[in-house]
Amino acid sequence: MAWQGTREAMHTFVDRYEIRMPTAVDDDESLFTSFGFTYQPAWVFVNDDGQVETYFGALGEDGLEAEIEDLLAA
């Protein structure tokens, strides 16, 4: 989710780093702050049961896979 900056900057970032996951634009910061985020990078993971896990900081590919596997196993 892009929180700070412009839509154009977010699209440039997504294209440059070939991010292939859904990315939301939060123009008024309401979604970002509803999860208690105060800085980026930050992640929100929601499983099929609606369980929400938040993570602050960079994950990298291995970290992202680990978080997703943990959430799927819960």
C-alpha atoms as a PDB file:
ATOM      1  CA  MET A   1       0.000   0.000   0.000  1.00  0.00           C
ATOM      2  CA  ALA A   2       1.369   3.385  -0.866  1.00  0.00           C
ATOM      3  CA  TRP A   3       0.917   5.818   1.948  1.00  0.00           C
ATOM      4  CA  GLN A   4       3.398   8.621   1.561  1.00  0.00           C
ATOM      5  CA  GLY A   5       4.038  10.391  -1.693  1.00  0.00           C
ATOM      6  CA  THR A   6       2.042  10.580  -4.871  1.00  0.00           C
ATOM      7  CA  ARG A   7       0.241   7.986  -6.944  1.00  0.00           C
ATOM      8  CA  GLU A   8       2.796   8.545  -9.689  1.00  0.00           C
ATOM      9  CA  ALA A   9       5.677   7.854  -7.280  1.00  0.00           C
ATOM     10  CA  MET A  10       3.948   4.684  -6.062  1.00  0.00           C
ATOM     11  CA  HIS A  11       3.390   3.424  -9.608  1.00  0.00           C
ATOM     12  CA  THR A  12       7.021   4.187 -10.471  1.00  0.00           C
ATOM     13  CA  PHE A  13       8.198   2.248  -7.396  1.00  0.00           C
ATOM     14  CA  VAL A  14       5.927  -0.725  -8.182  1.00  0.00           C
ATOM     15  CA  ASP A  15       7.130  -0.810 -11.790  1.00  0.00           C
ATOM     16  CA  ARG A  16      10.819  -0.355 -10.909  1.00  0.00           C
ATOM     17  CA  TYR A  17      10.845  -3.189  -8.368  1.00  0.00           C
ATOM     18  CA  GLU A  18       8.435  -5.373 -10.359  1.00  0.00           C
ATOM     19  CA  ILE A  19       6.034  -5.747  -7.452  1.00  0.00           C
ATOM     20  CA  ARG A  20       3.456  -8.302  -8.535  1.00  0.00           C
ATOM     21  CA  MET A  21       1.066  -8.207  -5.594  1.00  0.00           C
ATOM     22  CA  PRO A  22      -2.007  -6.023  -5.238  1.00  0.00           C
ATOM     23  CA  THR A  23      -1.025  -2.516  -4.190  1.00  0.00           C
ATOM     24  CA  ALA A  24      -3.519   0.000  -2.815  1.00  0.00           C
ATOM     25  CA  VAL A  25      -3.328   3.775  -2.816  1.00  0.00           C
ATOM     26  CA  ASP A  26      -4.416   5.331   0.471  1.00  0.00           C
ATOM     27  CA  ASP A  27      -4.883   8.977  -0.506  1.00  0.00           C
ATOM     28  CA  ASP A  28      -6.257  10.152   2.837  1.00  0.00           C
ATOM     29  CA  GLU A  29      -4.112   7.787   4.982  1.00  0.00           C
ATOM     30  CA  SER A  30      -7.230   6.375   6.683  1.00  0.00           C
ATOM     31  CA  LEU A  31      -6.490   2.745   5.837  1.00  0.00           C
ATOM     32  CA  PHE A  32      -2.825   3.066   6.751  1.00  0.00           C
ATOM     33  CA  THR A  33      -3.536   4.653  10.126  1.00  0.00           C
ATOM     34  CA  SER A  34      -6.401   2.240  10.900  1.00  0.00           C
ATOM     35  CA  PHE A  35      -3.743  -0.475  11.220  1.00  0.00           C
ATOM     36  CA  GLY A  36      -1.621   1.718  13.503  1.00  0.00           C
ATOM     37  CA  PHE A  37       1.091   2.306  10.926  1.00  0.00           C
ATOM     38  CA  THR A  38       3.291   5.332  11.425  1.00  0.00           C
ATOM     39  CA  TYR A  39       6.011   4.611   8.876  1.00  0.00           C
ATOM     40  CA  GLN A  40       6.880   2.472   5.857  1.00  0.00           C
ATOM     41  CA  PRO A  41       7.543  -0.228   4.961  1.00  0.00           C
ATOM     42  CA  ALA A  42       4.624  -1.885   6.665  1.00  0.00           C
ATOM     43  CA  TRP A  43       2.617  -4.964   5.771  1.00  0.00           C
ATOM     44  CA  VAL A  44      -0.898  -6.221   6.480  1.00  0.00           C
ATOM     45  CA  PHE A  45      -1.735  -9.894   6.115  1.00  0.00           C
ATOM     46  CA  VAL A  46      -5.340 -11.104   6.353  1.00  0.00           C
ATOM     47  CA  ASN A  47      -6.207 -14.786   6.293  1.00  0.00           C
ATOM     48  CA  ASP A  48      -9.465 -16.396   5.153  1.00  0.00           C
ATOM     49  CA  ASP A  49     -10.910 -16.119   8.676  1.00  0.00           C
ATOM     50  CA  GLY A  50     -10.257 -12.377   8.785  1.00  0.00           C
ATOM     51  CA  GLN A  51      -7.320 -12.688  11.191  1.00  0.00           C
ATOM     52  CA  VAL A  52      -5.105  -9.640  10.709  1.00  0.00           C
ATOM     53  CA  GLU A  53      -1.351  -9.617  11.229  1.00  0.00           C
ATOM     54  CA  THR A  54       0.707  -6.468  10.807  1.00  0.00           C
ATOM     55  CA  TYR A  55       4.432  -6.252  10.254  1.00  0.00           C
ATOM     56  CA  PHE A  56       6.633  -3.167  10.344  1.00  0.00           C
ATOM     57  CA  GLY A  57       9.851  -3.115   8.327  1.00  0.00           C
ATOM     58  CA  ALA A  58      11.340  -4.620   5.211  1.00  0.00           C
ATOM     59  CA  LEU A  59      10.668  -8.298   4.630  1.00  0.00           C
ATOM     60  CA  GLY A  60      12.399  -9.307   1.423  1.00  0.00           C
ATOM     61  CA  GLU A  61      11.232 -12.314  -0.533  1.00  0.00           C
ATOM     62  CA  ASP A  62      12.137 -14.910   2.123  1.00  0.00           C
ATOM     63  CA  GLY A  63      10.532 -12.919   4.925  1.00  0.00           C
ATOM     64  CA  LEU A  64       7.397 -12.359   2.907  1.00  0.00           C
ATOM     65  CA  GLU A  65       7.112 -16.078   2.163  1.00  0.00           C
ATOM     66  CA  ALA A  66       7.615 -16.928   5.852  1.00  0.00           C
ATOM     67  CA  GLU A  67       4.895 -14.491   6.972  1.00  0.00           C
ATOM     68  CA  ILE A  68       2.452 -15.870   4.418  1.00  0.00           C
ATOM     69  CA  GLU A  69       3.235 -19.484   5.368  1.00  0.00           C
ATOM     70  CA  ASP A  70       2.742 -18.674   9.074  1.00  0.00           C
ATOM     71  CA  LEU A  71      -0.579 -17.010   8.368  1.00  0.00           C
ATOM     72  CA  LEU A  72      -1.779 -19.910   6.215  1.00  0.00           C
ATOM     73  CA  ALA A  73      -0.817 -22.378   8.939  1.00  0.00           C
ATOM     74  CA  ALA A  74      -2.761 -20.460  11.631  1.00  0.00           C
END
